[in-house]
Amino acid sequence: MRLVTFQRVGNSGAFDESAPVMPLFGIGAPMRGQESGDGLFSFFGEEVGILSKDGTKILPIANTGISYPDMNTLIAEHNPQEMEVLRAAAEAMEASGGFTEDSEETVDTDYLAVGTQAKILSPIPVPLQDVICLGLNYTEHAEEAAVYAKDSFTARDRYPVYFAKRVNRSPADGDPVPAYADLVDSLDYEAELAVIIGKDVKNITPEEVPECIFGYTILNDFSARNLQTRHTQWYLGKSLDGYTPMGPCIVTADEFSFPPRLKISSRVNGELRQDSMTDMLIFGIDYIIADLSRGMTLRAGTIISTGTPKGVGMGFDPPKFLHAGDTVTCEIEGIGTLTNTISD
């Protein structure tokens, strides 16, 4: 099942002012926000839906009788019975066919047409905590990184390299990513498989990991290499606003065997740069999550990005860094594509 966060749009492609408004207790990040008299925040424009496999239509989950104000809440509070209802709705959507020809109307009014009636946002536009990332978790990427800047990218011990990535708001598939030309002279891309934790966990074993995973998405770990390498920690170079696009959806864990063995790639302006498999990780997903959970509570909705394969810009001689106007497409088999263009 493919779950998305989306925003309804009108005929002009702009935000639909008549879209549902959901009261939230100060969580999430509204597209437009107003504080009501009772102290709640009116949440405009973001809803959770089920995306068809061909990516053309969305079923708002509210149409199934299940209602959550945002993806973070759904992940944290869902129960097995509700997920079965949503899976049945997803199957019914696939069986219903597509849209009528020469029309923007859907075959069933329960569904919204992607593009003309709904814009897909990042599946988790505002993560509840920093994203946890893995550095140097593919052997060949670790080697190319060490060639570029040995002091910054050499793993001195054979333990996972963890770092955090702050996300003010995650861009979606199709959204621009800022170049910060006055600050960044070496903008790089990293296609990664991101794991979404589905329940609060602590001190779990590797064998218990599969049952705690809610789903998977694509994350492009944009990196300002000049900022990353001049600091002992990588936090600043990884955390500029707009540097964590995700999408296009979360595919629930039941869609894949564990660990997922999926093709992962990236292209820059159509040129294939990265091309690998997600089972080539040095430290697997079961190890990563069990290791992190030792003494650390991983909350439902936690995003763990598992690392990137070889082929990033700094790995070329000379390096192939990104510039305004460049378009990066990350693709993972069974999830889809995440495309972003670098803006001025």
C-alpha atoms as a PDB file:
ATOM      1  CA  MET A   1       0.000   0.000   0.000  1.00  0.00           C
ATOM      2  CA  ARG A   2       1.253   3.451  -0.952  1.00  0.00           C
ATOM      3  CA  LEU A   3       0.444   6.231   1.495  1.00  0.00           C
ATOM      4  CA  VAL A   4       0.865   9.905   0.680  1.00  0.00           C
ATOM      5  CA  THR A   5       0.423  13.315   2.186  1.00  0.00           C
ATOM      6  CA  PHE A   6      -1.339  15.548  -0.302  1.00  0.00           C
ATOM      7  CA  GLN A   7      -2.896  18.950  -0.795  1.00  0.00           C
ATOM      8  CA  ARG A   8      -6.070  19.561  -2.778  1.00  0.00           C
ATOM      9  CA  VAL A   9      -5.698  22.039  -5.623  1.00  0.00           C
ATOM     10  CA  GLY A  10      -8.202  23.974  -7.704  1.00  0.00           C
ATOM     11  CA  ASN A  11      -8.418  24.273 -11.475  1.00  0.00           C
ATOM     12  CA  SER A  12      -5.541  26.763 -11.472  1.00  0.00           C
ATOM     13  CA  GLY A  13      -3.277  24.336  -9.621  1.00  0.00           C
ATOM     14  CA  ALA A  14      -3.287  26.588  -6.545  1.00  0.00           C
ATOM     15  CA  PHE A  15      -4.309  25.514  -3.050  1.00  0.00           C
ATOM     16  CA  ASP A  16      -8.023  24.791  -2.865  1.00  0.00           C
ATOM     17  CA  GLU A  17      -9.462  27.207  -0.299  1.00  0.00           C
ATOM     18  CA  SER A  18     -12.438  24.889   0.219  1.00  0.00           C
ATOM     19  CA  ALA A  19     -10.235  21.979   1.310  1.00  0.00           C
ATOM     20  CA  PRO A  20     -10.943  20.451   4.714  1.00  0.00           C
ATOM     21  CA  VAL A  21      -9.522  22.181   7.776  1.00  0.00           C
ATOM     22  CA  MET A  22      -8.405  19.888  10.566  1.00  0.00           C
ATOM     23  CA  PRO A  23      -7.774  21.124  14.121  1.00  0.00           C
ATOM     24  CA  LEU A  24      -4.453  20.018  15.549  1.00  0.00           C
ATOM     25  CA  PHE A  25      -2.867  20.497  18.944  1.00  0.00           C
ATOM     26  CA  GLY A  26       0.045  22.485  17.597  1.00  0.00           C
ATOM     27  CA  ILE A  27       1.679  19.636  15.669  1.00  0.00           C
ATOM     28  CA  GLY A  28       2.586  19.458  12.037  1.00  0.00           C
ATOM     29  CA  ALA A  29       3.280  22.432   9.792  1.00  0.00           C
ATOM     30  CA  PRO A  30       0.266  23.963   8.073  1.00  0.00           C
ATOM     31  CA  MET A  31       0.434  25.299   4.548  1.00  0.00           C
ATOM     32  CA  ARG A  32      -1.387  28.300   6.022  1.00  0.00           C
ATOM     33  CA  GLY A  33      -2.019  28.572   9.722  1.00  0.00           C
ATOM     34  CA  GLN A  34      -4.345  30.504  11.969  1.00  0.00           C
ATOM     35  CA  GLU A  35      -4.789  30.117  15.699  1.00  0.00           C
ATOM     36  CA  SER A  36      -8.384  29.631  16.709  1.00  0.00           C
ATOM     37  CA  GLY A  37     -10.031  31.001  19.828  1.00  0.00           C
ATOM     38  CA  ASP A  38      -9.763  27.690  21.674  1.00  0.00           C
ATOM     39  CA  GLY A  39      -6.007  27.552  21.279  1.00  0.00           C
ATOM     40  CA  LEU A  40      -5.953  24.947  18.509  1.00  0.00           C
ATOM     41  CA  PHE A  41      -4.269  25.484  15.189  1.00  0.00           C
ATOM     42  CA  SER A  42      -6.275  25.306  11.993  1.00  0.00           C
ATOM     43  CA  PHE A  43      -4.410  23.015   9.674  1.00  0.00           C
ATOM     44  CA  PHE A  44      -4.957  23.939   6.037  1.00  0.00           C
ATOM     45  CA  GLY A  45      -4.349  21.778   3.058  1.00  0.00           C
ATOM     46  CA  GLU A  46      -2.569  18.621   4.161  1.00  0.00           C
ATOM     47  CA  GLU A  47      -4.379  15.284   4.152  1.00  0.00           C
ATOM     48  CA  VAL A  48      -3.348  11.632   4.126  1.00  0.00           C
ATOM     49  CA  GLY A  49      -4.379   9.389   1.257  1.00  0.00           C
ATOM     50  CA  ILE A  50      -3.737   6.145  -0.573  1.00  0.00           C
ATOM     51  CA  LEU A  51      -1.895   6.486  -3.886  1.00  0.00           C
ATOM     52  CA  SER A  52      -2.715   4.185  -6.789  1.00  0.00           C
ATOM     53  CA  LYS A  53       0.110   2.013  -8.090  1.00  0.00           C
ATOM     54  CA  ASP A  54       0.285   3.996 -11.321  1.00  0.00           C
ATOM     55  CA  GLY A  55       0.528   7.239  -9.357  1.00  0.00           C
ATOM     56  CA  THR A  56      -2.465   8.890 -11.036  1.00  0.00           C
ATOM     57  CA  LYS A  57      -5.094   9.000  -8.294  1.00  0.00           C
ATOM     58  CA  ILE A  58      -5.486   9.374  -4.560  1.00  0.00           C
ATOM     59  CA  LEU A  59      -8.124   8.079  -2.170  1.00  0.00           C
ATOM     60  CA  PRO A  60      -8.319  10.347   0.906  1.00  0.00           C
ATOM     61  CA  ILE A  61      -8.322   8.007   3.889  1.00  0.00           C
ATOM     62  CA  ALA A  62     -11.199  10.015   5.395  1.00  0.00           C
ATOM     63  CA  ASN A  63     -13.351   8.491   2.638  1.00  0.00           C
ATOM     64  CA  THR A  64     -12.829   5.073   4.244  1.00  0.00           C
ATOM     65  CA  GLY A  65     -14.211   6.234   7.596  1.00  0.00           C
ATOM     66  CA  ILE A  66     -10.709   6.435   9.084  1.00  0.00           C
ATOM     67  CA  SER A  67      -9.416   9.887   9.857  1.00  0.00           C
ATOM     68  CA  TYR A  68      -5.990  11.046  10.961  1.00  0.00           C
ATOM     69  CA  PRO A  69      -4.878  14.669  10.686  1.00  0.00           C
ATOM     70  CA  ASP A  70      -1.418  13.886   9.332  1.00  0.00           C
ATOM     71  CA  MET A  71       0.988  11.075   8.503  1.00  0.00           C
ATOM     72  CA  ASN A  72       2.858  11.302  11.810  1.00  0.00           C
ATOM     73  CA  THR A  73      -0.371  10.680  13.718  1.00  0.00           C
ATOM     74  CA  LEU A  74      -1.430   7.806  11.469  1.00  0.00           C
ATOM     75  CA  ILE A  75       1.935   6.093  11.950  1.00  0.00           C
ATOM     76  CA  ALA A  76       1.834   6.524  15.733  1.00  0.00           C
ATOM     77  CA  GLU A  77      -1.806   5.653  16.373  1.00  0.00           C
ATOM     78  CA  HIS A  78      -2.910   3.191  13.678  1.00  0.00           C
ATOM     79  CA  ASN A  79      -4.093  -0.281  14.611  1.00  0.00           C
ATOM     80  CA  PRO A  80      -4.136  -3.526  12.593  1.00  0.00           C
ATOM     81  CA  GLN A  81      -7.874  -3.354  11.940  1.00  0.00           C
ATOM     82  CA  GLU A  82      -7.575   0.119  10.423  1.00  0.00           C
ATOM     83  CA  MET A  83      -4.678  -0.960   8.233  1.00  0.00           C
ATOM     84  CA  GLU A  84      -6.769  -3.844   6.903  1.00  0.00           C
ATOM     85  CA  VAL A  85      -9.533  -1.388   6.018  1.00  0.00           C
ATOM     86  CA  LEU A  86      -7.024   0.800   4.188  1.00  0.00           C
ATOM     87  CA  ARG A  87      -5.513  -2.163   2.349  1.00  0.00           C
ATOM     88  CA  ALA A  88      -8.961  -3.265   1.204  1.00  0.00           C
ATOM     89  CA  ALA A  89      -9.636   0.278   0.003  1.00  0.00           C
ATOM     90  CA  ALA A  90      -6.338   0.270  -1.883  1.00  0.00           C
ATOM     91  CA  GLU A  91      -7.257  -2.989  -3.600  1.00  0.00           C
ATOM     92  CA  ALA A  92     -10.691  -1.630  -4.511  1.00  0.00           C
ATOM     93  CA  MET A  93      -9.076   1.479  -5.974  1.00  0.00           C
ATOM     94  CA  GLU A  94      -6.840  -0.632  -8.196  1.00  0.00           C
ATOM     95  CA  ALA A  95      -9.848  -2.638  -9.357  1.00  0.00           C
ATOM     96  CA  SER A  96     -11.883   0.480 -10.165  1.00  0.00           C
ATOM     97  CA  GLY A  97      -9.856   1.399 -13.223  1.00  0.00           C
ATOM     98  CA  GLY A  98      -8.514   4.797 -14.250  1.00  0.00           C
ATOM     99  CA  PHE A  99      -9.994   8.100 -15.265  1.00  0.00           C
ATOM    100  CA  THR A 100     -12.447   8.749 -18.049  1.00  0.00           C
ATOM    101  CA  GLU A 101     -10.831   9.857 -21.301  1.00  0.00           C
ATOM    102  CA  ASP A 102     -10.782  13.546 -22.238  1.00  0.00           C
ATOM    103  CA  SER A 103     -11.980  14.479 -18.772  1.00  0.00           C
ATOM    104  CA  GLU A 104     -10.557  15.568 -15.464  1.00  0.00           C
ATOM    105  CA  GLU A 105     -13.336  13.760 -13.609  1.00  0.00           C
ATOM    106  CA  THR A 106     -12.527  10.486 -11.906  1.00  0.00           C
ATOM    107  CA  VAL A 107     -14.461   7.292 -12.480  1.00  0.00           C
ATOM    108  CA  ASP A 108     -15.404   7.362  -8.804  1.00  0.00           C
ATOM    109  CA  THR A 109     -15.811  10.669  -7.002  1.00  0.00           C
ATOM    110  CA  ASP A 110     -14.045   9.170  -3.970  1.00  0.00           C
ATOM    111  CA  TYR A 111     -10.774   9.587  -5.869  1.00  0.00           C
ATOM    112  CA  LEU A 112      -8.726  12.670  -6.719  1.00  0.00           C
ATOM    113  CA  ALA A 113      -6.645  13.042  -9.853  1.00  0.00           C
ATOM    114  CA  VAL A 114      -2.974  13.689  -9.153  1.00  0.00           C
ATOM    115  CA  GLY A 115      -1.939  16.950 -10.742  1.00  0.00           C
ATOM    116  CA  THR A 116      -5.353  18.400 -11.541  1.00  0.00           C
ATOM    117  CA  GLN A 117      -7.070  17.828  -8.198  1.00  0.00           C
ATOM    118  CA  ALA A 118      -4.280  16.979  -5.771  1.00  0.00           C
ATOM    119  CA  LYS A 119      -0.592  17.736  -5.304  1.00  0.00           C
ATOM    120  CA  ILE A 120       1.509  15.086  -3.610  1.00  0.00           C
ATOM    121  CA  LEU A 121       3.648  16.480  -0.791  1.00  0.00           C
ATOM    122  CA  SER A 122       6.529  14.861   1.039  1.00  0.00           C
ATOM    123  CA  PRO A 123       5.036  11.828   2.834  1.00  0.00           C
ATOM    124  CA  ILE A 124       6.183  13.297   6.170  1.00  0.00           C
ATOM    125  CA  PRO A 125       6.451  17.032   5.494  1.00  0.00           C
ATOM    126  CA  VAL A 126       7.590  17.816   9.042  1.00  0.00           C
ATOM    127  CA  PRO A 127       9.361  14.959  10.846  1.00  0.00           C
ATOM    128  CA  LEU A 128       8.847  14.933  14.601  1.00  0.00           C
ATOM    129  CA  GLN A 129      12.598  14.552  15.180  1.00  0.00           C
ATOM    130  CA  ASP A 130      15.809  14.906  13.222  1.00  0.00           C
ATOM    131  CA  VAL A 131      16.309  12.235  10.574  1.00  0.00           C
ATOM    132  CA  ILE A 132      18.874   9.614  11.609  1.00  0.00           C
ATOM    133  CA  CYS A 133      21.322   8.935   8.784  1.00  0.00           C
ATOM    134  CA  LEU A 134      23.977   6.349   8.054  1.00  0.00           C
ATOM    135  CA  GLY A 135      27.270   7.498   6.583  1.00  0.00           C
ATOM    136  CA  LEU A 136      29.634   5.346   4.543  1.00  0.00           C
ATOM    137  CA  ASN A 137      27.249   2.371   4.572  1.00  0.00           C
ATOM    138  CA  TYR A 138      28.063   1.062   1.093  1.00  0.00           C
ATOM    139  CA  THR A 139      31.666  -0.147   0.677  1.00  0.00           C
ATOM    140  CA  GLU A 140      32.340   1.523  -2.686  1.00  0.00           C
ATOM    141  CA  HIS A 141      30.840   4.827  -1.524  1.00  0.00           C
ATOM    142  CA  ALA A 142      33.098   4.773   1.535  1.00  0.00           C
ATOM    143  CA  GLU A 143      36.062   4.321  -0.797  1.00  0.00           C
ATOM    144  CA  GLU A 144      35.115   7.185  -3.115  1.00  0.00           C
ATOM    145  CA  ALA A 145      34.436   9.465  -0.139  1.00  0.00           C
ATOM    146  CA  ALA A 146      37.862   8.721   1.350  1.00  0.00           C
ATOM    147  CA  VAL A 147      39.517   9.667  -1.939  1.00  0.00           C
ATOM    148  CA  TYR A 148      37.709  13.018  -1.905  1.00  0.00           C
ATOM    149  CA  ALA A 149      38.497  13.931   1.724  1.00  0.00           C
ATOM    150  CA  LYS A 150      40.207  11.175   3.699  1.00  0.00           C
ATOM    151  CA  ASP A 151      40.217  12.978   7.043  1.00  0.00           C
ATOM    152  CA  SER A 152      36.467  13.647   6.847  1.00  0.00           C
ATOM    153  CA  PHE A 153      35.218  10.363   5.432  1.00  0.00           C
ATOM    154  CA  THR A 154      37.395   7.557   6.764  1.00  0.00           C
ATOM    155  CA  ALA A 155      35.600   5.180   9.137  1.00  0.00           C
ATOM    156  CA  ARG A 156      38.253   4.519  11.754  1.00  0.00           C
ATOM    157  CA  ASP A 157      36.301   1.712  13.432  1.00  0.00           C
ATOM    158  CA  ARG A 158      34.006  -0.834  11.896  1.00  0.00           C
ATOM    159  CA  TYR A 159      30.937   0.516  13.582  1.00  0.00           C
ATOM    160  CA  PRO A 160      28.101   2.376  11.876  1.00  0.00           C
ATOM    161  CA  VAL A 161      28.596   6.076  11.214  1.00  0.00           C
ATOM    162  CA  TYR A 162      25.444   7.775  12.518  1.00  0.00           C
ATOM    163  CA  PHE A 163      24.610  11.435  12.101  1.00  0.00           C
ATOM    164  CA  ALA A 164      21.514  13.595  12.376  1.00  0.00           C
ATOM    165  CA  LYS A 165      19.897  15.707   9.675  1.00  0.00           C
ATOM    166  CA  ARG A 166      17.629  18.567  10.735  1.00  0.00           C
ATOM    167  CA  VAL A 167      14.516  19.013   8.603  1.00  0.00           C
ATOM    168  CA  ASN A 168      12.548  22.240   8.864  1.00  0.00           C
ATOM    169  CA  ARG A 169      10.226  21.053   6.117  1.00  0.00           C
ATOM    170  CA  SER A 170      10.818  18.256   3.638  1.00  0.00           C
ATOM    171  CA  PRO A 171      10.422  19.091  -0.063  1.00  0.00           C
ATOM    172  CA  ALA A 172       8.281  16.777  -2.171  1.00  0.00           C
ATOM    173  CA  ASP A 173       8.834  15.090  -5.496  1.00  0.00           C
ATOM    174  CA  GLY A 174       8.924  17.942  -8.010  1.00  0.00           C
ATOM    175  CA  ASP A 175       9.784  20.658  -5.509  1.00  0.00           C
ATOM    176  CA  PRO A 176      12.882  22.832  -6.013  1.00  0.00           C
ATOM    177  CA  VAL A 177      15.956  22.528  -3.811  1.00  0.00           C
ATOM    178  CA  PRO A 178      17.843  25.779  -3.115  1.00  0.00           C
ATOM    179  CA  ALA A 179      21.414  26.116  -4.351  1.00  0.00           C
ATOM    180  CA  TYR A 180      22.570  28.583  -1.655  1.00  0.00           C
ATOM    181  CA  ALA A 181      25.189  29.768  -4.155  1.00  0.00           C
ATOM    182  CA  ASP A 182      26.601  32.322  -1.687  1.00  0.00           C
ATOM    183  CA  LEU A 183      27.142  29.605   0.917  1.00  0.00           C
ATOM    184  CA  VAL A 184      27.607  26.299  -0.907  1.00  0.00           C
ATOM    185  CA  ASP A 185      30.183  25.657  -3.636  1.00  0.00           C
ATOM    186  CA  SER A 186      29.934  21.844  -3.702  1.00  0.00           C
ATOM    187  CA  LEU A 187      26.311  20.707  -3.607  1.00  0.00           C
ATOM    188  CA  ASP A 188      25.961  16.942  -3.828  1.00  0.00           C
ATOM    189  CA  TYR A 189      23.174  14.343  -4.007  1.00  0.00           C
ATOM    190  CA  GLU A 190      22.736  10.966  -2.302  1.00  0.00           C
ATOM    191  CA  ALA A 191      19.923   8.545  -3.191  1.00  0.00           C
ATOM    192  CA  GLU A 192      18.912   6.587  -0.096  1.00  0.00           C
ATOM    193  CA  LEU A 193      16.337   4.103   1.142  1.00  0.00           C
ATOM    194  CA  ALA A 194      14.650   5.548   4.236  1.00  0.00           C
ATOM    195  CA  VAL A 195      12.988   3.344   6.842  1.00  0.00           C
ATOM    196  CA  ILE A 196       9.977   4.610   8.826  1.00  0.00           C
ATOM    197  CA  ILE A 197       9.576   3.213  12.345  1.00  0.00           C
ATOM    198  CA  GLY A 198       5.968   2.198  13.076  1.00  0.00           C
ATOM    199  CA  LYS A 199       5.883   2.023  16.874  1.00  0.00           C
ATOM    200  CA  ASP A 200       7.920   3.138  19.861  1.00  0.00           C
ATOM    201  CA  VAL A 201      10.750   0.661  20.432  1.00  0.00           C
ATOM    202  CA  LYS A 202      13.723   0.290  22.755  1.00  0.00           C
ATOM    203  CA  ASN A 203      16.217  -2.505  23.338  1.00  0.00           C
ATOM    204  CA  ILE A 204      14.942  -4.749  20.563  1.00  0.00           C
ATOM    205  CA  THR A 205      16.817  -7.588  18.913  1.00  0.00           C
ATOM    206  CA  PRO A 206      17.605  -7.799  15.181  1.00  0.00           C
ATOM    207  CA  GLU A 207      14.957 -10.528  14.918  1.00  0.00           C
ATOM    208  CA  GLU A 208      12.310  -8.132  16.247  1.00  0.00           C
ATOM    209  CA  VAL A 209      13.118  -5.353  13.780  1.00  0.00           C
ATOM    210  CA  PRO A 210      10.808  -6.345  10.884  1.00  0.00           C
ATOM    211  CA  GLU A 211       7.669  -6.034  13.006  1.00  0.00           C
ATOM    212  CA  CYS A 212       8.546  -2.461  14.045  1.00  0.00           C
ATOM    213  CA  ILE A 213       8.890  -1.074  10.498  1.00  0.00           C
ATOM    214  CA  PHE A 214       5.943   0.882   9.142  1.00  0.00           C
ATOM    215  CA  GLY A 215       7.285   1.372   5.642  1.00  0.00           C
ATOM    216  CA  TYR A 216       9.890   2.761   3.280  1.00  0.00           C
ATOM    217  CA  THR A 217      10.402   5.856   1.176  1.00  0.00           C
ATOM    218  CA  ILE A 218      13.080   7.531  -0.949  1.00  0.00           C
ATOM    219  CA  LEU A 219      15.248  10.246   0.582  1.00  0.00           C
ATOM    220  CA  ASN A 220      17.788  12.409  -1.237  1.00  0.00           C
ATOM    221  CA  ASP A 221      20.422  13.383   1.301  1.00  0.00           C
ATOM    222  CA  PHE A 222      21.545  16.636  -0.317  1.00  0.00           C
ATOM    223  CA  SER A 223      24.897  17.679   1.121  1.00  0.00           C
ATOM    224  CA  ALA A 224      26.947  20.859   1.110  1.00  0.00           C
ATOM    225  CA  ARG A 225      30.373  19.214   0.944  1.00  0.00           C
ATOM    226  CA  ASN A 226      32.322  22.389   1.738  1.00  0.00           C
ATOM    227  CA  LEU A 227      30.341  22.849   4.958  1.00  0.00           C
ATOM    228  CA  GLN A 228      30.382  19.142   5.760  1.00  0.00           C
ATOM    229  CA  THR A 229      34.148  18.725   5.457  1.00  0.00           C
ATOM    230  CA  ARG A 230      35.195  21.895   7.268  1.00  0.00           C
ATOM    231  CA  HIS A 231      33.416  20.829  10.473  1.00  0.00           C
ATOM    232  CA  THR A 232      34.242  17.798  12.611  1.00  0.00           C
ATOM    233  CA  GLN A 233      30.535  16.983  12.611  1.00  0.00           C
ATOM    234  CA  TRP A 234      28.468  16.752   9.401  1.00  0.00           C
ATOM    235  CA  TYR A 235      25.328  18.351  10.861  1.00  0.00           C
ATOM    236  CA  LEU A 236      25.524  21.779   9.220  1.00  0.00           C
ATOM    237  CA  GLY A 237      26.440  20.545   5.762  1.00  0.00           C
ATOM    238  CA  LYS A 238      23.491  18.143   5.803  1.00  0.00           C
ATOM    239  CA  SER A 239      20.820  20.329   7.376  1.00  0.00           C
ATOM    240  CA  LEU A 240      20.241  23.440   5.282  1.00  0.00           C
ATOM    241  CA  ASP A 241      16.562  24.135   4.636  1.00  0.00           C
ATOM    242  CA  GLY A 242      15.311  22.130   1.685  1.00  0.00           C
ATOM    243  CA  TYR A 243      18.091  19.540   1.769  1.00  0.00           C
ATOM    244  CA  THR A 244      15.898  16.545   2.699  1.00  0.00           C
ATOM    245  CA  PRO A 245      13.351  15.839  -0.028  1.00  0.00           C
ATOM    246  CA  MET A 246      11.403  12.610   0.409  1.00  0.00           C
ATOM    247  CA  GLY A 247       8.803  10.774  -1.592  1.00  0.00           C
ATOM    248  CA  PRO A 248       6.809  10.208  -3.523  1.00  0.00           C
ATOM    249  CA  CYS A 249       5.084   7.983  -0.959  1.00  0.00           C
ATOM    250  CA  ILE A 250       5.558   5.586   1.931  1.00  0.00           C
ATOM    251  CA  VAL A 251       5.211   1.986   0.807  1.00  0.00           C
ATOM    252  CA  THR A 252       4.115  -0.126   3.754  1.00  0.00           C
ATOM    253  CA  ALA A 253       6.523  -2.801   4.899  1.00  0.00           C
ATOM    254  CA  ASP A 254       4.212  -5.686   3.968  1.00  0.00           C
ATOM    255  CA  GLU A 255       4.839  -4.937   0.276  1.00  0.00           C
ATOM    256  CA  PHE A 256       8.443  -6.166   0.505  1.00  0.00           C
ATOM    257  CA  SER A 257      10.328  -9.139   1.817  1.00  0.00           C
ATOM    258  CA  PHE A 258      12.787  -8.394   4.603  1.00  0.00           C
ATOM    259  CA  PRO A 259      15.379  -7.136   4.178  1.00  0.00           C
ATOM    260  CA  PRO A 260      14.184  -5.392   1.019  1.00  0.00           C
ATOM    261  CA  ARG A 261      16.367  -6.137  -1.991  1.00  0.00           C
ATOM    262  CA  LEU A 262      15.582  -3.263  -4.344  1.00  0.00           C
ATOM    263  CA  LYS A 263      17.343  -1.500  -7.191  1.00  0.00           C
ATOM    264  CA  ILE A 264      18.460   1.997  -6.195  1.00  0.00           C
ATOM    265  CA  SER A 265      19.769   4.634  -8.599  1.00  0.00           C
ATOM    266  CA  SER A 266      20.154   8.335  -9.263  1.00  0.00           C
ATOM    267  CA  ARG A 267      20.401  10.379 -12.439  1.00  0.00           C
ATOM    268  CA  VAL A 268      21.535  13.969 -12.915  1.00  0.00           C
ATOM    269  CA  ASN A 269      20.085  15.624 -15.999  1.00  0.00           C
ATOM    270  CA  GLY A 270      19.352  12.123 -17.303  1.00  0.00           C
ATOM    271  CA  GLU A 271      22.893  10.795 -16.745  1.00  0.00           C
ATOM    272  CA  LEU A 272      23.033   7.647 -14.627  1.00  0.00           C
ATOM    273  CA  ARG A 273      25.234   8.338 -11.596  1.00  0.00           C
ATOM    274  CA  GLN A 274      24.348   5.779  -8.914  1.00  0.00           C
ATOM    275  CA  ASP A 275      23.260   2.217  -9.635  1.00  0.00           C
ATOM    276  CA  SER A 276      23.162  -0.412  -6.898  1.00  0.00           C
ATOM    277  CA  MET A 277      20.969  -2.611  -4.706  1.00  0.00           C
ATOM    278  CA  THR A 278      19.669  -1.914  -1.218  1.00  0.00           C
ATOM    279  CA  ASP A 279      20.980  -5.258   0.054  1.00  0.00           C
ATOM    280  CA  MET A 280      24.545  -4.032  -0.471  1.00  0.00           C
ATOM    281  CA  LEU A 281      24.514  -2.195   2.862  1.00  0.00           C
ATOM    282  CA  ILE A 282      27.510  -2.764   5.106  1.00  0.00           C
ATOM    283  CA  PHE A 283      25.226  -2.653   8.140  1.00  0.00           C
ATOM    284  CA  GLY A 284      21.774  -4.052   7.400  1.00  0.00           C
ATOM    285  CA  ILE A 285      18.474  -2.585   8.524  1.00  0.00           C
ATOM    286  CA  ASP A 286      18.040  -5.201  11.268  1.00  0.00           C
ATOM    287  CA  TYR A 287      21.455  -4.376  12.708  1.00  0.00           C
ATOM    288  CA  ILE A 288      20.967  -0.594  12.423  1.00  0.00           C
ATOM    289  CA  ILE A 289      17.622  -0.433  14.201  1.00  0.00           C
ATOM    290  CA  ALA A 290      18.567  -2.916  16.916  1.00  0.00           C
ATOM    291  CA  ASP A 291      21.842  -1.065  17.502  1.00  0.00           C
ATOM    292  CA  LEU A 292      20.162   2.344  17.730  1.00  0.00           C
ATOM    293  CA  SER A 293      17.492   1.002  20.076  1.00  0.00           C
ATOM    294  CA  ARG A 294      20.040  -0.081  22.663  1.00  0.00           C
ATOM    295  CA  GLY A 295      19.436   2.570  25.277  1.00  0.00           C
ATOM    296  CA  MET A 296      17.626   4.897  22.837  1.00  0.00           C
ATOM    297  CA  THR A 297      13.872   5.022  22.315  1.00  0.00           C
ATOM    298  CA  LEU A 298      12.978   5.149  18.635  1.00  0.00           C
ATOM    299  CA  ARG A 299       9.587   6.808  18.429  1.00  0.00           C
ATOM    300  CA  ALA A 300       6.919   5.923  15.902  1.00  0.00           C
ATOM    301  CA  GLY A 301       7.552   8.063  12.837  1.00  0.00           C
ATOM    302  CA  THR A 302      11.330   8.067  13.261  1.00  0.00           C
ATOM    303  CA  ILE A 303      13.021   8.232   9.864  1.00  0.00           C
ATOM    304  CA  ILE A 304      16.276   6.333   9.373  1.00  0.00           C
ATOM    305  CA  SER A 305      18.094   6.886   6.085  1.00  0.00           C
ATOM    306  CA  THR A 306      20.292   3.884   5.399  1.00  0.00           C
ATOM    307  CA  GLY A 307      23.140   5.356   3.346  1.00  0.00           C
ATOM    308  CA  THR A 308      23.995   5.893  -0.292  1.00  0.00           C
ATOM    309  CA  PRO A 309      25.847   3.827  -2.912  1.00  0.00           C
ATOM    310  CA  LYS A 310      28.816   4.989  -4.994  1.00  0.00           C
ATOM    311  CA  GLY A 311      28.376   7.545  -7.735  1.00  0.00           C
ATOM    312  CA  VAL A 312      27.830  10.773  -5.814  1.00  0.00           C
ATOM    313  CA  GLY A 313      29.259  13.970  -7.254  1.00  0.00           C
ATOM    314  CA  MET A 314      32.369  14.063  -5.075  1.00  0.00           C
ATOM    315  CA  GLY A 315      33.312  10.584  -6.295  1.00  0.00           C
ATOM    316  CA  PHE A 316      34.193  11.744  -9.806  1.00  0.00           C
ATOM    317  CA  ASP A 317      37.526  13.164 -10.962  1.00  0.00           C
ATOM    318  CA  PRO A 318      36.982  16.045 -11.221  1.00  0.00           C
ATOM    319  CA  PRO A 319      33.917  16.134  -8.935  1.00  0.00           C
ATOM    320  CA  LYS A 320      30.506  16.612 -10.556  1.00  0.00           C
ATOM    321  CA  PHE A 321      28.724  18.898  -8.143  1.00  0.00           C
ATOM    322  CA  LEU A 322      25.268  20.348  -8.722  1.00  0.00           C
ATOM    323  CA  HIS A 323      24.410  23.819  -9.992  1.00  0.00           C
ATOM    324  CA  ALA A 324      21.235  25.823 -10.449  1.00  0.00           C
ATOM    325  CA  GLY A 325      19.100  24.227 -13.150  1.00  0.00           C
ATOM    326  CA  ASP A 326      20.368  20.676 -12.612  1.00  0.00           C
ATOM    327  CA  THR A 327      17.719  17.997 -12.061  1.00  0.00           C
ATOM    328  CA  VAL A 328      18.300  14.975  -9.832  1.00  0.00           C
ATOM    329  CA  THR A 329      16.088  11.890 -10.006  1.00  0.00           C
ATOM    330  CA  CYS A 330      16.423   9.186  -7.369  1.00  0.00           C
ATOM    331  CA  GLU A 331      14.651   5.896  -8.006  1.00  0.00           C
ATOM    332  CA  ILE A 332      14.046   2.833  -5.861  1.00  0.00           C
ATOM    333  CA  GLU A 333      12.330  -0.227  -7.243  1.00  0.00           C
ATOM    334  CA  GLY A 334       8.812  -0.658  -5.894  1.00  0.00           C
ATOM    335  CA  ILE A 335       8.650   2.853  -4.432  1.00  0.00           C
ATOM    336  CA  GLY A 336       8.979   5.169  -7.419  1.00  0.00           C
ATOM    337  CA  THR A 337      11.007   8.234  -8.290  1.00  0.00           C
ATOM    338  CA  LEU A 338      11.919  11.413  -6.441  1.00  0.00           C
ATOM    339  CA  THR A 339      12.872  14.288  -8.741  1.00  0.00           C
ATOM    340  CA  ASN A 340      14.103  17.730  -7.688  1.00  0.00           C
ATOM    341  CA  THR A 341      15.622  20.617  -9.611  1.00  0.00           C
ATOM    342  CA  ILE A 342      18.206  22.940  -8.094  1.00  0.00           C
ATOM    343  CA  SER A 343      16.858  26.480  -7.911  1.00  0.00           C
ATOM    344  CA  ASP A 344      18.782  29.763  -7.878  1.00  0.00           C
END
